[in-house]
Amino acid sequence: MTFDATTWGWIHLVLGVVLAVVGWGILRGSAWARGAGVGLAALNMIANFMWLPYQPVWAVVSLAIDTFVIWALCTGRSKPVV
C-alpha cells in the first residue's frame, strides 16, 4: 500500500490533533492520558518511520522527540502540573 504526500499530510494532521487532546489530558494529570500518550507516541513513531523517504531529516527529528516523550511518560511524576 502506497500513500501520496496528501494522504500523509492528513494522517499527520489527524495524529497531531489527537495527540494535542491527549497532551491536554496529561497536563491535567489524567491516568488514561499517560497510557494513551505512550501508545499514540509509538503510533506516531511508526508513521514517522514510514515518512522517512519523503522528509528524512524531519522524520528522524520526530522519531527522537517521540522516543523522549515515551521515556518521559513512563518515568515522569503522576501529579498534575497546576
Protein backbone atom coordinates (compact mmCIF):
# COMPACT_ATOMS: atom_id res chain seq x y z
CA MET A 1 0.00 0.00 0.00
CA THR A 2 1.47 3.35 -1.03
CA PHE A 3 0.34 6.79 0.09
CA ASP A 4 0.94 10.08 -1.66
CA ALA A 5 2.01 13.26 0.14
CA THR A 6 -1.59 14.45 0.58
CA THR A 7 -2.58 11.25 2.37
CA TRP A 8 0.47 11.51 4.64
CA GLY A 9 -0.48 15.12 5.39
CA TRP A 10 -3.94 14.06 6.54
CA ILE A 11 -2.52 11.20 8.61
CA HIS A 12 -0.13 13.56 10.39
CA LEU A 13 -2.85 16.19 10.88
CA VAL A 14 -5.25 13.72 12.49
CA LEU A 15 -2.48 12.25 14.67
CA GLY A 16 -1.46 15.75 15.71
CA VAL A 17 -4.98 16.72 16.79
CA VAL A 18 -5.44 13.50 18.77
CA LEU A 19 -2.01 13.95 20.37
CA ALA A 20 -2.91 17.53 21.35
CA VAL A 21 -6.05 16.29 23.13
CA VAL A 22 -4.05 13.61 24.93
CA GLY A 23 -1.40 16.21 25.82
CA TRP A 24 -4.10 18.33 27.43
CA GLY A 25 -5.16 15.28 29.45
CA ILE A 26 -1.56 14.68 30.51
CA LEU A 27 -1.24 18.26 31.73
CA ARG A 28 -4.45 17.75 33.74
CA GLY A 29 -2.90 14.65 35.36
CA SER A 30 -5.26 12.05 33.89
CA ALA A 31 -4.07 8.46 34.16
CA TRP A 32 -5.77 7.49 30.89
CA ALA A 33 -3.82 10.20 29.07
CA ARG A 34 -0.43 8.82 30.13
CA GLY A 35 -1.23 5.38 28.69
CA ALA A 36 -2.81 6.86 25.59
CA GLY A 37 0.20 9.17 25.19
CA VAL A 38 2.62 6.26 25.17
CA GLY A 39 0.50 4.35 22.68
CA LEU A 40 -0.02 7.32 20.39
CA ALA A 41 3.64 8.32 20.54
CA ALA A 42 4.52 4.77 19.47
CA LEU A 43 1.98 5.03 16.63
CA ASN A 44 3.46 8.39 15.68
CA MET A 45 6.92 6.78 15.62
CA ILE A 46 5.67 4.22 13.10
CA ALA A 47 4.12 6.96 10.96
CA ASN A 48 7.33 8.99 11.05
CA PHE A 49 9.40 5.91 10.21
CA MET A 50 7.23 5.40 7.12
CA TRP A 51 7.60 9.13 6.32
CA LEU A 52 11.41 8.79 6.04
CA PRO A 53 11.54 8.66 2.21
CA TYR A 54 9.63 11.96 1.94
CA GLN A 55 11.34 14.09 4.62
CA PRO A 56 14.29 12.20 6.12
CA VAL A 57 15.65 14.93 8.41
CA TRP A 58 12.29 15.90 9.90
CA ALA A 59 11.30 12.25 10.30
CA VAL A 60 14.48 11.48 12.27
CA VAL A 61 13.93 14.55 14.48
CA SER A 62 10.33 13.46 15.11
CA LEU A 63 11.47 9.93 15.93
CA ALA A 64 13.86 11.33 18.53
CA ILE A 65 11.13 13.52 20.05
CA ASP A 66 8.71 10.57 20.19
CA THR A 67 11.36 8.48 21.93
CA PHE A 68 11.85 11.20 24.54
CA VAL A 69 8.07 11.56 25.03
CA ILE A 70 7.67 7.82 25.66
CA TRP A 71 10.56 7.87 28.12
CA ALA A 72 9.15 10.92 29.92
CA LEU A 73 5.64 9.46 30.18
CA CYS A 74 6.94 6.17 31.53
CA THR A 75 9.24 7.71 34.14
CA GLY A 76 7.58 11.02 35.00
CA ARG A 77 5.57 12.04 38.00
CA SER A 78 1.84 11.35 38.05
CA LYS A 79 0.75 14.59 39.79
CA PRO A 80 -0.91 17.32 37.69
CA VAL A 81 1.09 20.43 36.89
CA VAL A 82 -1.12 23.13 38.40
